[in-house]
Amino acid sequence: MRNVTLAIEDEVLREARRIAAERSTTLNGMIRDFLADLTARESRAAAARARILELSRASTAEVGPRTWSRDELHER
């Protein structure tokens, strides 16, 4: 595990420590959990984008002719 140094405004640091104490954890633990969740979400999103691209390339769907104009779509 690596150590990281952060620069955080005093008020933000005080509030974050208060929240950590209310949650019976440490600021370090909260930051570690946040970053783990963030990287997991990003990884899942990247996998989903790759899968969508894969499916779109493999698709045999065809789009029919356009029978409308942009102006017709936006008529009120």
PDB file of N, CA and C in Angstrom:
ATOM      1  N   MET A   1       0.848  -1.170   0.000  1.00  0.00           N
ATOM      2  CA  MET A   1       0.000   0.000   0.000  1.00  0.00           C
ATOM      3  C   MET A   1       0.895   1.235   0.000  1.00  0.00           C
ATOM      4  N   ARG A   2       0.497   2.256  -0.762  1.00  0.00           N
ATOM      5  CA  ARG A   2       1.288   3.480  -0.892  1.00  0.00           C
ATOM      6  C   ARG A   2       0.658   4.615  -0.102  1.00  0.00           C
ATOM      7  N   ASN A   3       1.469   5.538   0.342  1.00  0.00           N
ATOM      8  CA  ASN A   3       0.989   6.755   0.994  1.00  0.00           C
ATOM      9  C   ASN A   3       0.870   7.860  -0.040  1.00  0.00           C
ATOM     10  N   VAL A   4      -0.144   8.720   0.131  1.00  0.00           N
ATOM     11  CA  VAL A   4      -0.375   9.842  -0.763  1.00  0.00           C
ATOM     12  C   VAL A   4      -0.561  11.084   0.096  1.00  0.00           C
ATOM     13  N   THR A   5      -0.007  12.191  -0.339  1.00  0.00           N
ATOM     14  CA  THR A   5      -0.178  13.457   0.370  1.00  0.00           C
ATOM     15  C   THR A   5      -1.206  14.289  -0.373  1.00  0.00           C
ATOM     16  N   LEU A   6      -2.174  14.837   0.357  1.00  0.00           N
ATOM     17  CA  LEU A   6      -3.222  15.668  -0.231  1.00  0.00           C
ATOM     18  C   LEU A   6      -3.177  17.062   0.366  1.00  0.00           C
ATOM     19  N   ALA A   7      -3.564  18.047  -0.419  1.00  0.00           N
ATOM     20  CA  ALA A   7      -3.754  19.408   0.078  1.00  0.00           C
ATOM     21  C   ALA A   7      -5.253  19.659   0.122  1.00  0.00           C
ATOM     22  N   ILE A   8      -5.769  19.884   1.336  1.00  0.00           N
ATOM     23  CA  ILE A   8      -7.218  20.057   1.526  1.00  0.00           C
ATOM     24  C   ILE A   8      -7.435  21.294   2.389  1.00  0.00           C
ATOM     25  N   GLU A   9      -8.431  22.098   2.035  1.00  0.00           N
ATOM     26  CA  GLU A   9      -8.755  23.283   2.822  1.00  0.00           C
ATOM     27  C   GLU A   9      -9.103  22.876   4.251  1.00  0.00           C
ATOM     28  N   ASP A  10      -8.766  23.736   5.200  1.00  0.00           N
ATOM     29  CA  ASP A  10      -8.971  23.432   6.618  1.00  0.00           C
ATOM     30  C   ASP A  10     -10.422  23.092   6.949  1.00  0.00           C
ATOM     31  N   GLU A  11     -11.353  23.881   6.438  1.00  0.00           N
ATOM     32  CA  GLU A  11     -12.774  23.643   6.742  1.00  0.00           C
ATOM     33  C   GLU A  11     -13.242  22.304   6.182  1.00  0.00           C
ATOM     34  N   VAL A  12     -12.820  21.975   4.979  1.00  0.00           N
ATOM     35  CA  VAL A  12     -13.192  20.702   4.366  1.00  0.00           C
ATOM     36  C   VAL A  12     -12.610  19.556   5.194  1.00  0.00           C
ATOM     37  N   LEU A  13     -11.374  19.702   5.615  1.00  0.00           N
ATOM     38  CA  LEU A  13     -10.732  18.668   6.419  1.00  0.00           C
ATOM     39  C   LEU A  13     -11.459  18.458   7.745  1.00  0.00           C
ATOM     40  N   ARG A  14     -11.818  19.570   8.409  1.00  0.00           N
ATOM     41  CA  ARG A  14     -12.559  19.450   9.685  1.00  0.00           C
ATOM     42  C   ARG A  14     -13.882  18.719   9.493  1.00  0.00           C
ATOM     43  N   GLU A  15     -14.618  19.118   8.466  1.00  0.00           N
ATOM     44  CA  GLU A  15     -15.921  18.481   8.214  1.00  0.00           C
ATOM     45  C   GLU A  15     -15.757  17.011   7.841  1.00  0.00           C
ATOM     46  N   ALA A  16     -14.769  16.709   7.034  1.00  0.00           N
ATOM     47  CA  ALA A  16     -14.540  15.318   6.630  1.00  0.00           C
ATOM     48  C   ALA A  16     -14.166  14.462   7.836  1.00  0.00           C
ATOM     49  N   ARG A  17     -13.350  14.988   8.722  1.00  0.00           N
ATOM     50  CA  ARG A  17     -12.990  14.241   9.946  1.00  0.00           C
ATOM     51  C   ARG A  17     -14.212  14.026  10.835  1.00  0.00           C
ATOM     52  N   ARG A  18     -15.073  15.049  10.911  1.00  0.00           N
ATOM     53  CA  ARG A  18     -16.303  14.913  11.709  1.00  0.00           C
ATOM     54  C   ARG A  18     -17.186  13.809  11.129  1.00  0.00           C
ATOM     55  N   ILE A  19     -17.345  13.805   9.824  1.00  0.00           N
ATOM     56  CA  ILE A  19     -18.157  12.781   9.165  1.00  0.00           C
ATOM     57  C   ILE A  19     -17.551  11.400   9.389  1.00  0.00           C
ATOM     58  N   ALA A  20     -16.243  11.297   9.261  1.00  0.00           N
ATOM     59  CA  ALA A  20     -15.574  10.014   9.492  1.00  0.00           C
ATOM     60  C   ALA A  20     -15.835   9.519  10.911  1.00  0.00           C
ATOM     61  N   ALA A  21     -15.732  10.415  11.882  1.00  0.00           N
ATOM     62  CA  ALA A  21     -15.975  10.027  13.277  1.00  0.00           C
ATOM     63  C   ALA A  21     -17.416   9.551  13.467  1.00  0.00           C
ATOM     64  N   GLU A  22     -18.370  10.249  12.839  1.00  0.00           N
ATOM     65  CA  GLU A  22     -19.776   9.838  12.931  1.00  0.00           C
ATOM     66  C   GLU A  22     -19.993   8.456  12.332  1.00  0.00           C
ATOM     67  N   ARG A  23     -19.191   8.103  11.353  1.00  0.00           N
ATOM     68  CA  ARG A  23     -19.317   6.809  10.688  1.00  0.00           C
ATOM     69  C   ARG A  23     -18.408   5.746  11.309  1.00  0.00           C
ATOM     70  N   SER A  24     -17.778   6.098  12.403  1.00  0.00           N
ATOM     71  CA  SER A  24     -16.859   5.179  13.109  1.00  0.00           C
ATOM     72  C   SER A  24     -15.767   4.653  12.189  1.00  0.00           C
ATOM     73  N   THR A  25     -15.195   5.549  11.422  1.00  0.00           N
ATOM     74  CA  THR A  25     -14.097   5.193  10.540  1.00  0.00           C
ATOM     75  C   THR A  25     -13.071   6.311  10.576  1.00  0.00           C
ATOM     76  N   THR A  26     -12.100   6.224   9.727  1.00  0.00           N
ATOM     77  CA  THR A  26     -11.076   7.262   9.643  1.00  0.00           C
ATOM     78  C   THR A  26     -11.213   7.989   8.321  1.00  0.00           C
ATOM     79  N   LEU A  27     -10.612   9.159   8.254  1.00  0.00           N
ATOM     80  CA  LEU A  27     -10.586   9.899   7.012  1.00  0.00           C
ATOM     81  C   LEU A  27      -9.852   9.078   5.951  1.00  0.00           C
ATOM     82  N   ASN A  28      -8.776   8.451   6.329  1.00  0.00           N
ATOM     83  CA  ASN A  28      -8.026   7.588   5.427  1.00  0.00           C
ATOM     84  C   ASN A  28      -8.923   6.465   4.886  1.00  0.00           C
ATOM     85  N   GLY A  29      -9.689   5.853   5.766  1.00  0.00           N
ATOM     86  CA  GLY A  29     -10.596   4.783   5.350  1.00  0.00           C
ATOM     87  C   GLY A  29     -11.667   5.278   4.397  1.00  0.00           C
ATOM     88  N   MET A  30     -12.218   6.467   4.681  1.00  0.00           N
ATOM     89  CA  MET A  30     -13.243   7.028   3.792  1.00  0.00           C
ATOM     90  C   MET A  30     -12.668   7.321   2.412  1.00  0.00           C
ATOM     91  N   ILE A  31     -11.483   7.896   2.364  1.00  0.00           N
ATOM     92  CA  ILE A  31     -10.860   8.211   1.084  1.00  0.00           C
ATOM     93  C   ILE A  31     -10.532   6.928   0.324  1.00  0.00           C
ATOM     94  N   ARG A  32     -10.003   5.942   1.030  1.00  0.00           N
ATOM     95  CA  ARG A  32      -9.675   4.662   0.398  1.00  0.00           C
ATOM     96  C   ARG A  32     -10.933   4.011  -0.173  1.00  0.00           C
ATOM     97  N   ASP A  33     -12.031   4.015   0.600  1.00  0.00           N
ATOM     98  CA  ASP A  33     -13.294   3.441   0.129  1.00  0.00           C
ATOM     99  C   ASP A  33     -13.843   4.209  -1.074  1.00  0.00           C
ATOM    100  N   PHE A  34     -13.762   5.548  -1.000  1.00  0.00           N
ATOM    101  CA  PHE A  34     -14.249   6.367  -2.108  1.00  0.00           C
ATOM    102  C   PHE A  34     -13.494   6.045  -3.390  1.00  0.00           C
ATOM    103  N   LEU A  35     -12.164   5.979  -3.303  1.00  0.00           N
ATOM    104  CA  LEU A  35     -11.365   5.706  -4.490  1.00  0.00           C
ATOM    105  C   LEU A  35     -11.586   4.286  -5.014  1.00  0.00           C
ATOM    106  N   ALA A  36     -11.784   3.338  -4.112  1.00  0.00           N
ATOM    107  CA  ALA A  36     -12.074   1.966  -4.547  1.00  0.00           C
ATOM    108  C   ALA A  36     -13.412   1.917  -5.285  1.00  0.00           C
ATOM    109  N   ASP A  37     -14.435   2.602  -4.750  1.00  0.00           N
ATOM    110  CA  ASP A  37     -15.743   2.655  -5.414  1.00  0.00           C
ATOM    111  C   ASP A  37     -15.640   3.358  -6.763  1.00  0.00           C
ATOM    112  N   LEU A  38     -14.916   4.467  -6.811  1.00  0.00           N
ATOM    113  CA  LEU A  38     -14.750   5.226  -8.043  1.00  0.00           C
ATOM    114  C   LEU A  38     -14.094   4.377  -9.125  1.00  0.00           C
ATOM    115  N   THR A  39     -13.017   3.708  -8.788  1.00  0.00           N
ATOM    116  CA  THR A  39     -12.326   2.899  -9.794  1.00  0.00           C
ATOM    117  C   THR A  39     -13.168   1.706 -10.231  1.00  0.00           C
ATOM    118  N   ALA A  40     -13.924   1.131  -9.322  1.00  0.00           N
ATOM    119  CA  ALA A  40     -14.807   0.013  -9.687  1.00  0.00           C
ATOM    120  C   ALA A  40     -15.903   0.484 -10.637  1.00  0.00           C
ATOM    121  N   ARG A  41     -16.521   1.644 -10.355  1.00  0.00           N
ATOM    122  CA  ARG A  41     -17.565   2.188 -11.236  1.00  0.00           C
ATOM    123  C   ARG A  41     -17.006   2.495 -12.621  1.00  0.00           C
ATOM    124  N   GLU A  42     -15.841   3.117 -12.655  1.00  0.00           N
ATOM    125  CA  GLU A  42     -15.226   3.452 -13.937  1.00  0.00           C
ATOM    126  C   GLU A  42     -14.894   2.194 -14.732  1.00  0.00           C
ATOM    127  N   SER A  43     -14.440   1.165 -14.039  1.00  0.00           N
ATOM    128  CA  SER A  43     -14.111  -0.094 -14.702  1.00  0.00           C
ATOM    129  C   SER A  43     -15.366  -0.738 -15.290  1.00  0.00           C
ATOM    130  N   ARG A  44     -16.452  -0.733 -14.511  1.00  0.00           N
ATOM    131  CA  ARG A  44     -17.713  -1.286 -15.015  1.00  0.00           C
ATOM    132  C   ARG A  44     -18.237  -0.480 -16.194  1.00  0.00           C
ATOM    133  N   ALA A  45     -18.119   0.853 -16.117  1.00  0.00           N
ATOM    134  CA  ALA A  45     -18.588   1.710 -17.205  1.00  0.00           C
ATOM    135  C   ALA A  45     -17.771   1.454 -18.470  1.00  0.00           C
ATOM    136  N   ALA A  46     -16.463   1.306 -18.331  1.00  0.00           N
ATOM    137  CA  ALA A  46     -15.612   1.039 -19.492  1.00  0.00           C
ATOM    138  C   ALA A  46     -15.961  -0.316 -20.107  1.00  0.00           C
ATOM    139  N   ALA A  47     -16.219  -1.303 -19.271  1.00  0.00           N
ATOM    140  CA  ALA A  47     -16.600  -2.627 -19.774  1.00  0.00           C
ATOM    141  C   ALA A  47     -17.942  -2.552 -20.495  1.00  0.00           C
ATOM    142  N   ALA A  48     -18.881  -1.777 -19.962  1.00  0.00           N
ATOM    143  CA  ALA A  48     -20.192  -1.631 -20.597  1.00  0.00           C
ATOM    144  C   ALA A  48     -20.057  -0.926 -21.946  1.00  0.00           C
ATOM    145  N   ARG A  49     -19.226   0.127 -22.007  1.00  0.00           N
ATOM    146  CA  ARG A  49     -19.020   0.818 -23.280  1.00  0.00           C
ATOM    147  C   ARG A  49     -18.398  -0.117 -24.311  1.00  0.00           C
ATOM    148  N   ALA A  50     -17.439  -0.908 -23.883  1.00  0.00           N
ATOM    149  CA  ALA A  50     -16.795  -1.860 -24.801  1.00  0.00           C
ATOM    150  C   ALA A  50     -17.801  -2.884 -25.301  1.00  0.00           C
ATOM    151  N   ARG A  51     -18.672  -3.345 -24.412  1.00  0.00           N
ATOM    152  CA  ARG A  51     -19.685  -4.341 -24.803  1.00  0.00           C
ATOM    153  C   ARG A  51     -20.693  -3.740 -25.777  1.00  0.00           C
ATOM    154  N   ILE A  52     -21.112  -2.508 -25.535  1.00  0.00           N
ATOM    155  CA  ILE A  52     -22.046  -1.836 -26.446  1.00  0.00           C
ATOM    156  C   ILE A  52     -21.403  -1.678 -27.824  1.00  0.00           C
ATOM    157  N   LEU A  53     -20.144  -1.276 -27.856  1.00  0.00           N
ATOM    158  CA  LEU A  53     -19.439  -1.138 -29.126  1.00  0.00           C
ATOM    159  C   LEU A  53     -19.334  -2.478 -29.839  1.00  0.00           C
ATOM    160  N   GLU A  54     -19.020  -3.519 -29.093  1.00  0.00           N
ATOM    161  CA  GLU A  54     -18.942  -4.869 -29.653  1.00  0.00           C
ATOM    162  C   GLU A  54     -20.286  -5.293 -30.244  1.00  0.00           C
ATOM    163  N   LEU A  55     -21.356  -5.072 -29.506  1.00  0.00           N
ATOM    164  CA  LEU A  55     -22.688  -5.435 -29.985  1.00  0.00           C
ATOM    165  C   LEU A  55     -23.088  -4.626 -31.209  1.00  0.00           C
ATOM    166  N   SER A  56     -22.753  -3.336 -31.205  1.00  0.00           N
ATOM    167  CA  SER A  56     -23.135  -2.501 -32.350  1.00  0.00           C
ATOM    168  C   SER A  56     -22.384  -2.923 -33.610  1.00  0.00           C
ATOM    169  N   ARG A  57     -21.134  -3.324 -33.456  1.00  0.00           N
ATOM    170  CA  ARG A  57     -20.358  -3.777 -34.620  1.00  0.00           C
ATOM    171  C   ARG A  57     -20.864  -5.118 -35.139  1.00  0.00           C
ATOM    172  N   ALA A  58     -21.368  -5.961 -34.244  1.00  0.00           N
ATOM    173  CA  ALA A  58     -21.856  -7.282 -34.638  1.00  0.00           C
ATOM    174  C   ALA A  58     -23.308  -7.249 -35.109  1.00  0.00           C
ATOM    175  N   SER A  59     -23.980  -6.131 -34.920  1.00  0.00           N
ATOM    176  CA  SER A  59     -25.400  -6.032 -35.252  1.00  0.00           C
ATOM    177  C   SER A  59     -25.632  -6.094 -36.756  1.00  0.00           C
ATOM    178  N   THR A  60     -26.713  -6.728 -37.112  1.00  0.00           N
ATOM    179  CA  THR A  60     -27.129  -6.774 -38.512  1.00  0.00           C
ATOM    180  C   THR A  60     -28.364  -5.902 -38.741  1.00  0.00           C
ATOM    181  N   ALA A  61     -28.683  -5.076 -37.759  1.00  0.00           N
ATOM    182  CA  ALA A  61     -29.848  -4.198 -37.869  1.00  0.00           C
ATOM    183  C   ALA A  61     -29.634  -3.195 -39.004  1.00  0.00           C
ATOM    184  N   GLU A  62     -30.728  -2.858 -39.665  1.00  0.00           N
ATOM    185  CA  GLU A  62     -30.667  -1.896 -40.748  1.00  0.00           C
ATOM    186  C   GLU A  62     -31.629  -0.763 -40.448  1.00  0.00           C
ATOM    187  N   VAL A  63     -31.236   0.429 -40.842  1.00  0.00           N
ATOM    188  CA  VAL A  63     -32.075   1.597 -40.645  1.00  0.00           C
ATOM    189  C   VAL A  63     -32.772   1.886 -41.961  1.00  0.00           C
ATOM    190  N   GLY A  64     -34.079   2.067 -41.885  1.00  0.00           N
ATOM    191  CA  GLY A  64     -34.845   2.343 -43.099  1.00  0.00           C
ATOM    192  C   GLY A  64     -34.633   3.766 -43.581  1.00  0.00           C
ATOM    193  N   PRO A  65     -35.294   4.107 -44.654  1.00  0.00           N
ATOM    194  CA  PRO A  65     -35.124   5.455 -45.208  1.00  0.00           C
ATOM    195  C   PRO A  65     -35.725   6.511 -44.277  1.00  0.00           C
ATOM    196  N   ARG A  66     -35.139   7.694 -44.316  1.00  0.00           N
ATOM    197  CA  ARG A  66     -35.656   8.791 -43.489  1.00  0.00           C
ATOM    198  C   ARG A  66     -36.821   9.412 -44.242  1.00  0.00           C
ATOM    199  N   THR A  67     -37.986   9.388 -43.622  1.00  0.00           N
ATOM    200  CA  THR A  67     -39.191   9.906 -44.277  1.00  0.00           C
ATOM    201  C   THR A  67     -39.673  11.182 -43.600  1.00  0.00           C
ATOM    202  N   TRP A  68     -38.812  11.823 -42.833  1.00  0.00           N
ATOM    203  CA  TRP A  68     -39.172  13.031 -42.107  1.00  0.00           C
ATOM    204  C   TRP A  68     -38.028  14.019 -42.237  1.00  0.00           C
ATOM    205  N   SER A  69     -38.348  15.272 -41.966  1.00  0.00           N
ATOM    206  CA  SER A  69     -37.309  16.302 -41.973  1.00  0.00           C
ATOM    207  C   SER A  69     -37.120  16.803 -40.545  1.00  0.00           C
ATOM    208  N   ARG A  70     -36.030  17.470 -40.337  1.00  0.00           N
ATOM    209  CA  ARG A  70     -35.756  18.023 -39.010  1.00  0.00           C
ATOM    210  C   ARG A  70     -36.862  19.008 -38.613  1.00  0.00           C
ATOM    211  N   ASP A  71     -37.290  19.839 -39.560  1.00  0.00           N
ATOM    212  CA  ASP A  71     -38.344  20.803 -39.275  1.00  0.00           C
ATOM    213  C   ASP A  71     -39.649  20.118 -38.867  1.00  0.00           C
ATOM    214  N   GLU A  72     -39.977  18.998 -39.529  1.00  0.00           N
ATOM    215  CA  GLU A  72     -41.199  18.267 -39.172  1.00  0.00           C
ATOM    216  C   GLU A  72     -41.121  17.736 -37.754  1.00  0.00           C
ATOM    217  N   LEU A  73     -39.942  17.300 -37.345  1.00  0.00           N
ATOM    218  CA  LEU A  73     -39.790  16.778 -35.995  1.00  0.00           C
ATOM    219  C   LEU A  73     -39.969  17.852 -34.931  1.00  0.00           C
ATOM    220  N   HIS A  74     -39.636  19.079 -35.291  1.00  0.00           N
ATOM    221  CA  HIS A  74     -39.676  20.164 -34.308  1.00  0.00           C
ATOM    222  C   HIS A  74     -40.872  21.091 -34.467  1.00  0.00           C
ATOM    223  N   GLU A  75     -41.848  20.678 -35.262  1.00  0.00           N
ATOM    224  CA  GLU A  75     -43.061  21.488 -35.422  1.00  0.00           C
ATOM    225  C   GLU A  75     -43.824  21.504 -34.108  1.00  0.00           C
ATOM    226  N   ARG A  76     -44.436  22.630 -33.850  1.00  0.00           N
ATOM    227  CA  ARG A  76     -45.243  22.746 -32.616  1.00  0.00           C
ATOM    228  C   ARG A  76     -46.651  23.097 -32.957  1.00  0.00           C
TER     229      ARG A  76
END
